[in-house]
Amino acid sequence: SALKSNPSHLRELDLSNNDLKDSGVKLLSAGLGNPHCKLETLRLSGCLVTEECCASLVSALKSNPSDLRELDLSYNHPGDSGVRLLSAVLEDPHCRQEKLNVEHGGENTMKPG
């Protein structure tokens, strides 16, 4: 995959309004966890994502403190527990993520400071 190439030159990926569902996002998470992944912006708005795949996303982001700065999960259904898991990444000093968008499915969160 493009996220696993050595090195990946992909910086922004917009898969919004695709029928990825949790299974597709779990596959994508495997690429995000790869040390060669240099993705800075990932847009998954309206991809039928539920809280089931939030743990996979968080695990990938923590296993490889990536360059990801912005994650858009608006118009999905991450649920309260998924939003809590994803919001915790913003507090992790090893992660560079600055913006998490879960509008119309949770809350809109930005890293303080």
N, C-alpha and C. Protein backbone atom coordinates (compact mmCIF):
# COMPACT_ATOMS: atom_id res chain seq x y z
N SER A 1 0.84 -1.20 0.00
CA SER A 1 0.00 0.00 0.00
C SER A 1 0.87 1.25 0.00
N ALA A 2 0.30 2.35 -0.39
CA ALA A 2 1.03 3.62 -0.47
C ALA A 2 1.52 4.08 0.89
N LEU A 3 0.82 3.70 1.96
CA LEU A 3 1.23 4.12 3.29
C LEU A 3 2.43 3.34 3.80
N LYS A 4 2.69 2.16 3.22
CA LYS A 4 3.78 1.31 3.68
C LYS A 4 5.03 1.41 2.82
N SER A 5 4.98 2.16 1.72
CA SER A 5 6.15 2.24 0.85
C SER A 5 7.30 2.92 1.59
N ASN A 6 8.51 2.68 1.12
CA ASN A 6 9.69 3.12 1.85
C ASN A 6 10.44 4.18 1.07
N PRO A 7 10.41 5.43 1.41
CA PRO A 7 9.46 6.08 2.31
C PRO A 7 8.20 6.49 1.55
N SER A 8 7.13 6.68 2.29
CA SER A 8 5.88 7.12 1.68
C SER A 8 5.92 8.63 1.50
N HIS A 9 5.53 9.10 0.33
CA HIS A 9 5.50 10.54 0.07
C HIS A 9 4.09 11.10 0.20
N LEU A 10 3.14 10.24 0.52
CA LEU A 10 1.75 10.65 0.68
C LEU A 10 1.59 11.44 1.97
N ARG A 11 1.12 12.69 1.87
CA ARG A 11 0.97 13.55 3.05
C ARG A 11 -0.49 13.78 3.42
N GLU A 12 -1.38 13.70 2.43
CA GLU A 12 -2.80 13.95 2.68
C GLU A 12 -3.62 12.90 1.95
N LEU A 13 -4.59 12.33 2.67
CA LEU A 13 -5.45 11.31 2.08
C LEU A 13 -6.90 11.61 2.44
N ASP A 14 -7.72 11.81 1.43
CA ASP A 14 -9.14 12.11 1.63
C ASP A 14 -9.97 10.97 1.04
N LEU A 15 -10.52 10.16 1.92
CA LEU A 15 -11.37 9.04 1.52
C LEU A 15 -12.82 9.30 1.93
N SER A 16 -13.16 10.55 2.16
CA SER A 16 -14.50 10.92 2.62
C SER A 16 -15.59 10.39 1.68
N ASN A 17 -16.71 10.08 2.30
CA ASN A 17 -17.91 9.62 1.59
C ASN A 17 -17.70 8.35 0.78
N ASN A 18 -16.83 7.49 1.29
CA ASN A 18 -16.66 6.16 0.73
C ASN A 18 -17.19 5.15 1.74
N ASP A 19 -17.65 4.04 1.27
CA ASP A 19 -18.26 3.02 2.12
C ASP A 19 -17.17 2.13 2.73
N LEU A 20 -16.24 2.75 3.49
CA LEU A 20 -15.12 2.00 4.06
C LEU A 20 -15.55 1.10 5.20
N LYS A 21 -16.44 1.60 6.02
CA LYS A 21 -16.89 0.92 7.23
C LYS A 21 -15.69 0.60 8.11
N ASP A 22 -15.96 -0.10 9.21
CA ASP A 22 -14.90 -0.42 10.17
C ASP A 22 -13.82 -1.31 9.56
N SER A 23 -14.22 -2.26 8.73
CA SER A 23 -13.24 -3.19 8.15
C SER A 23 -12.22 -2.45 7.29
N GLY A 24 -12.65 -1.48 6.52
CA GLY A 24 -11.74 -0.70 5.69
C GLY A 24 -10.81 0.18 6.50
N VAL A 25 -11.35 0.76 7.57
CA VAL A 25 -10.53 1.63 8.42
C VAL A 25 -9.51 0.79 9.20
N LYS A 26 -9.86 -0.43 9.56
CA LYS A 26 -8.90 -1.30 10.24
C LYS A 26 -7.73 -1.62 9.31
N LEU A 27 -8.00 -1.86 8.04
CA LEU A 27 -6.92 -2.08 7.07
C LEU A 27 -6.06 -0.83 6.91
N LEU A 28 -6.70 0.31 6.86
CA LEU A 28 -5.99 1.59 6.76
C LEU A 28 -5.12 1.82 8.00
N SER A 29 -5.61 1.41 9.16
CA SER A 29 -4.86 1.58 10.40
C SER A 29 -3.54 0.82 10.37
N ALA A 30 -3.53 -0.32 9.71
CA ALA A 30 -2.29 -1.09 9.59
C ALA A 30 -1.23 -0.26 8.86
N GLY A 31 -1.63 0.48 7.86
CA GLY A 31 -0.70 1.36 7.14
C GLY A 31 -0.25 2.53 7.99
N LEU A 32 -1.18 3.07 8.78
CA LEU A 32 -0.83 4.21 9.65
C LEU A 32 0.19 3.82 10.71
N GLY A 33 0.16 2.56 11.13
CA GLY A 33 1.10 2.10 12.15
C GLY A 33 2.49 1.83 11.61
N ASN A 34 2.66 1.89 10.31
CA ASN A 34 3.95 1.62 9.68
C ASN A 34 4.89 2.82 9.87
N PRO A 35 6.14 2.58 10.28
CA PRO A 35 7.07 3.69 10.52
C PRO A 35 7.38 4.53 9.28
N HIS A 36 7.13 4.00 8.08
CA HIS A 36 7.38 4.76 6.85
C HIS A 36 6.24 5.71 6.50
N CYS A 37 5.13 5.58 7.22
CA CYS A 37 3.96 6.42 6.94
C CYS A 37 4.22 7.85 7.40
N LYS A 38 4.10 8.80 6.50
CA LYS A 38 4.33 10.22 6.81
C LYS A 38 3.06 11.05 6.61
N LEU A 39 1.92 10.38 6.65
CA LEU A 39 0.64 11.04 6.43
C LEU A 39 0.39 12.11 7.49
N GLU A 40 0.00 13.30 7.07
CA GLU A 40 -0.27 14.41 7.98
C GLU A 40 -1.76 14.68 8.15
N THR A 41 -2.55 14.42 7.11
CA THR A 41 -3.98 14.68 7.15
C THR A 41 -4.73 13.46 6.62
N LEU A 42 -5.69 12.98 7.41
CA LEU A 42 -6.52 11.85 7.00
C LEU A 42 -7.98 12.24 7.17
N ARG A 43 -8.70 12.25 6.05
CA ARG A 43 -10.12 12.62 6.08
C ARG A 43 -10.96 11.38 5.77
N LEU A 44 -11.77 11.01 6.76
CA LEU A 44 -12.65 9.85 6.64
C LEU A 44 -14.09 10.24 6.94
N SER A 45 -14.47 11.45 6.57
CA SER A 45 -15.82 11.94 6.82
C SER A 45 -16.84 11.11 6.06
N GLY A 46 -17.90 10.70 6.76
CA GLY A 46 -18.99 9.98 6.11
C GLY A 46 -18.60 8.62 5.57
N CYS A 47 -17.76 7.89 6.30
CA CYS A 47 -17.30 6.58 5.82
C CYS A 47 -17.92 5.41 6.58
N LEU A 48 -19.01 5.67 7.31
CA LEU A 48 -19.74 4.64 8.05
C LEU A 48 -18.86 3.98 9.12
N VAL A 49 -18.06 4.78 9.79
CA VAL A 49 -17.16 4.31 10.83
C VAL A 49 -17.90 4.31 12.17
N THR A 50 -17.72 3.24 12.96
CA THR A 50 -18.32 3.17 14.29
C THR A 50 -17.20 3.10 15.34
N GLU A 51 -17.62 3.01 16.61
CA GLU A 51 -16.63 2.97 17.67
C GLU A 51 -15.78 1.70 17.61
N GLU A 52 -16.25 0.69 16.91
CA GLU A 52 -15.52 -0.58 16.81
C GLU A 52 -14.10 -0.40 16.27
N CYS A 53 -13.90 0.49 15.32
CA CYS A 53 -12.57 0.64 14.71
C CYS A 53 -11.73 1.72 15.38
N CYS A 54 -12.30 2.47 16.31
CA CYS A 54 -11.53 3.55 16.95
C CYS A 54 -10.31 3.01 17.68
N ALA A 55 -10.44 1.85 18.31
CA ALA A 55 -9.30 1.25 19.02
C ALA A 55 -8.17 0.93 18.04
N SER A 56 -8.50 0.47 16.84
CA SER A 56 -7.48 0.18 15.82
C SER A 56 -6.74 1.45 15.41
N LEU A 57 -7.50 2.52 15.21
CA LEU A 57 -6.89 3.80 14.85
C LEU A 57 -5.95 4.29 15.95
N VAL A 58 -6.43 4.24 17.19
CA VAL A 58 -5.63 4.71 18.32
C VAL A 58 -4.38 3.86 18.48
N SER A 59 -4.51 2.56 18.35
CA SER A 59 -3.36 1.67 18.46
C SER A 59 -2.31 2.00 17.41
N ALA A 60 -2.75 2.24 16.19
CA ALA A 60 -1.82 2.59 15.10
C ALA A 60 -1.12 3.91 15.39
N LEU A 61 -1.87 4.89 15.87
CA LEU A 61 -1.29 6.21 16.13
C LEU A 61 -0.30 6.16 17.29
N LYS A 62 -0.55 5.29 18.27
CA LYS A 62 0.35 5.19 19.42
C LYS A 62 1.56 4.30 19.13
N SER A 63 1.39 3.28 18.29
CA SER A 63 2.51 2.38 18.00
C SER A 63 3.54 3.08 17.13
N ASN A 64 3.08 3.99 16.30
CA ASN A 64 3.97 4.77 15.45
C ASN A 64 3.58 6.23 15.64
N PRO A 65 4.21 6.91 16.61
CA PRO A 65 3.86 8.32 16.80
C PRO A 65 4.12 9.06 15.49
N SER A 66 3.12 9.01 14.66
CA SER A 66 3.25 9.45 13.27
C SER A 66 3.23 10.96 13.13
N ASP A 67 3.30 11.36 11.89
CA ASP A 67 3.22 12.78 11.55
C ASP A 67 1.78 13.25 11.42
N LEU A 68 0.81 12.34 11.66
CA LEU A 68 -0.59 12.71 11.50
C LEU A 68 -0.95 13.85 12.43
N ARG A 69 -1.41 14.94 11.84
CA ARG A 69 -1.79 16.13 12.61
C ARG A 69 -3.30 16.34 12.62
N GLU A 70 -3.98 15.86 11.59
CA GLU A 70 -5.42 16.09 11.49
C GLU A 70 -6.15 14.82 11.09
N LEU A 71 -7.18 14.48 11.88
CA LEU A 71 -8.01 13.32 11.61
C LEU A 71 -9.46 13.77 11.57
N ASP A 72 -10.11 13.59 10.43
CA ASP A 72 -11.50 13.99 10.26
C ASP A 72 -12.38 12.75 10.20
N LEU A 73 -13.17 12.57 11.26
CA LEU A 73 -14.13 11.48 11.32
C LEU A 73 -15.55 12.02 11.42
N SER A 74 -15.77 13.22 10.90
CA SER A 74 -17.10 13.81 10.96
C SER A 74 -18.10 12.96 10.17
N TYR A 75 -19.35 13.07 10.55
CA TYR A 75 -20.44 12.32 9.90
C TYR A 75 -20.21 10.81 9.95
N ASN A 76 -19.72 10.34 11.09
CA ASN A 76 -19.56 8.92 11.38
C ASN A 76 -20.23 8.65 12.72
N HIS A 77 -20.06 7.46 13.24
CA HIS A 77 -20.70 7.08 14.50
C HIS A 77 -19.67 6.48 15.46
N PRO A 78 -18.69 7.30 15.92
CA PRO A 78 -17.65 6.75 16.79
C PRO A 78 -18.13 6.45 18.20
N GLY A 79 -19.30 6.97 18.59
CA GLY A 79 -19.81 6.74 19.93
C GLY A 79 -18.97 7.46 20.97
N ASP A 80 -19.50 7.54 22.18
CA ASP A 80 -18.79 8.24 23.25
C ASP A 80 -17.45 7.59 23.58
N SER A 81 -17.42 6.26 23.62
CA SER A 81 -16.15 5.60 23.98
C SER A 81 -15.11 5.79 22.88
N GLY A 82 -15.52 5.78 21.63
CA GLY A 82 -14.59 6.02 20.53
C GLY A 82 -14.03 7.42 20.56
N VAL A 83 -14.90 8.40 20.85
CA VAL A 83 -14.45 9.79 20.94
C VAL A 83 -13.47 9.95 22.09
N ARG A 84 -13.75 9.29 23.22
CA ARG A 84 -12.82 9.37 24.36
C ARG A 84 -11.46 8.78 24.00
N LEU A 85 -11.46 7.63 23.34
CA LEU A 85 -10.19 7.00 22.94
C LEU A 85 -9.39 7.91 22.01
N LEU A 86 -10.07 8.44 21.01
CA LEU A 86 -9.40 9.30 20.03
C LEU A 86 -8.94 10.62 20.65
N SER A 87 -9.73 11.16 21.57
CA SER A 87 -9.36 12.42 22.23
C SER A 87 -8.13 12.24 23.10
N ALA A 88 -7.96 11.05 23.67
CA ALA A 88 -6.79 10.79 24.51
C ALA A 88 -5.50 10.90 23.71
N VAL A 89 -5.56 10.61 22.42
CA VAL A 89 -4.37 10.74 21.56
C VAL A 89 -3.90 12.18 21.52
N LEU A 90 -4.84 13.12 21.55
CA LEU A 90 -4.48 14.55 21.53
C LEU A 90 -3.66 14.93 22.76
N GLU A 91 -3.88 14.22 23.86
CA GLU A 91 -3.17 14.52 25.11
C GLU A 91 -1.81 13.83 25.19
N ASP A 92 -1.57 12.86 24.34
CA ASP A 92 -0.32 12.10 24.37
C ASP A 92 0.81 12.96 23.82
N PRO A 93 1.84 13.24 24.64
CA PRO A 93 2.94 14.10 24.18
C PRO A 93 3.76 13.50 23.04
N HIS A 94 3.66 12.19 22.82
CA HIS A 94 4.43 11.54 21.75
C HIS A 94 3.72 11.60 20.40
N CYS A 95 2.45 11.96 20.42
CA CYS A 95 1.69 12.05 19.18
C CYS A 95 1.63 13.50 18.72
N ARG A 96 1.68 13.69 17.42
CA ARG A 96 1.69 15.05 16.87
C ARG A 96 0.31 15.54 16.48
N GLN A 97 -0.68 14.69 16.67
CA GLN A 97 -2.03 15.05 16.25
C GLN A 97 -2.50 16.30 16.97
N GLU A 98 -3.02 17.25 16.20
CA GLU A 98 -3.48 18.53 16.73
C GLU A 98 -4.98 18.71 16.60
N LYS A 99 -5.60 18.04 15.63
CA LYS A 99 -7.02 18.27 15.39
C LYS A 99 -7.74 16.95 15.14
N LEU A 100 -8.87 16.81 15.83
CA LEU A 100 -9.76 15.67 15.67
C LEU A 100 -11.15 16.21 15.42
N ASN A 101 -11.74 15.87 14.29
CA ASN A 101 -13.08 16.34 13.96
C ASN A 101 -14.03 15.15 13.98
N VAL A 102 -14.96 15.19 14.94
CA VAL A 102 -16.00 14.16 15.02
C VAL A 102 -17.38 14.82 15.05
N GLU A 103 -17.50 15.97 14.39
CA GLU A 103 -18.78 16.67 14.32
C GLU A 103 -19.86 15.75 13.76
N HIS A 104 -21.05 15.94 14.26
CA HIS A 104 -22.22 15.17 13.83
C HIS A 104 -22.01 13.69 14.10
N GLY A 105 -21.36 13.42 15.21
CA GLY A 105 -21.13 12.04 15.63
C GLY A 105 -20.44 12.05 16.98
N GLY A 106 -20.19 13.22 17.49
CA GLY A 106 -19.50 13.38 18.76
C GLY A 106 -19.18 14.84 18.94
N GLU A 107 -17.99 15.12 19.38
CA GLU A 107 -17.59 16.50 19.61
C GLU A 107 -16.42 16.87 18.72
N ASN A 108 -16.20 18.15 18.54
CA ASN A 108 -15.08 18.65 17.75
C ASN A 108 -13.97 19.01 18.74
N THR A 109 -12.82 18.43 18.60
CA THR A 109 -11.77 18.58 19.59
C THR A 109 -10.48 19.08 18.95
N MET A 110 -9.84 20.02 19.63
CA MET A 110 -8.52 20.47 19.18
C MET A 110 -7.57 20.40 20.36
N LYS A 111 -6.31 20.18 20.07
CA LYS A 111 -5.29 20.11 21.11
C LYS A 111 -5.14 21.47 21.75
N PRO A 112 -5.13 21.53 23.08
CA PRO A 112 -4.95 22.83 23.74
C PRO A 112 -3.58 23.40 23.46
N GLY A 113 -3.48 24.71 23.45
CA GLY A 113 -2.20 25.38 23.29
C GLY A 113 -2.00 25.77 21.91
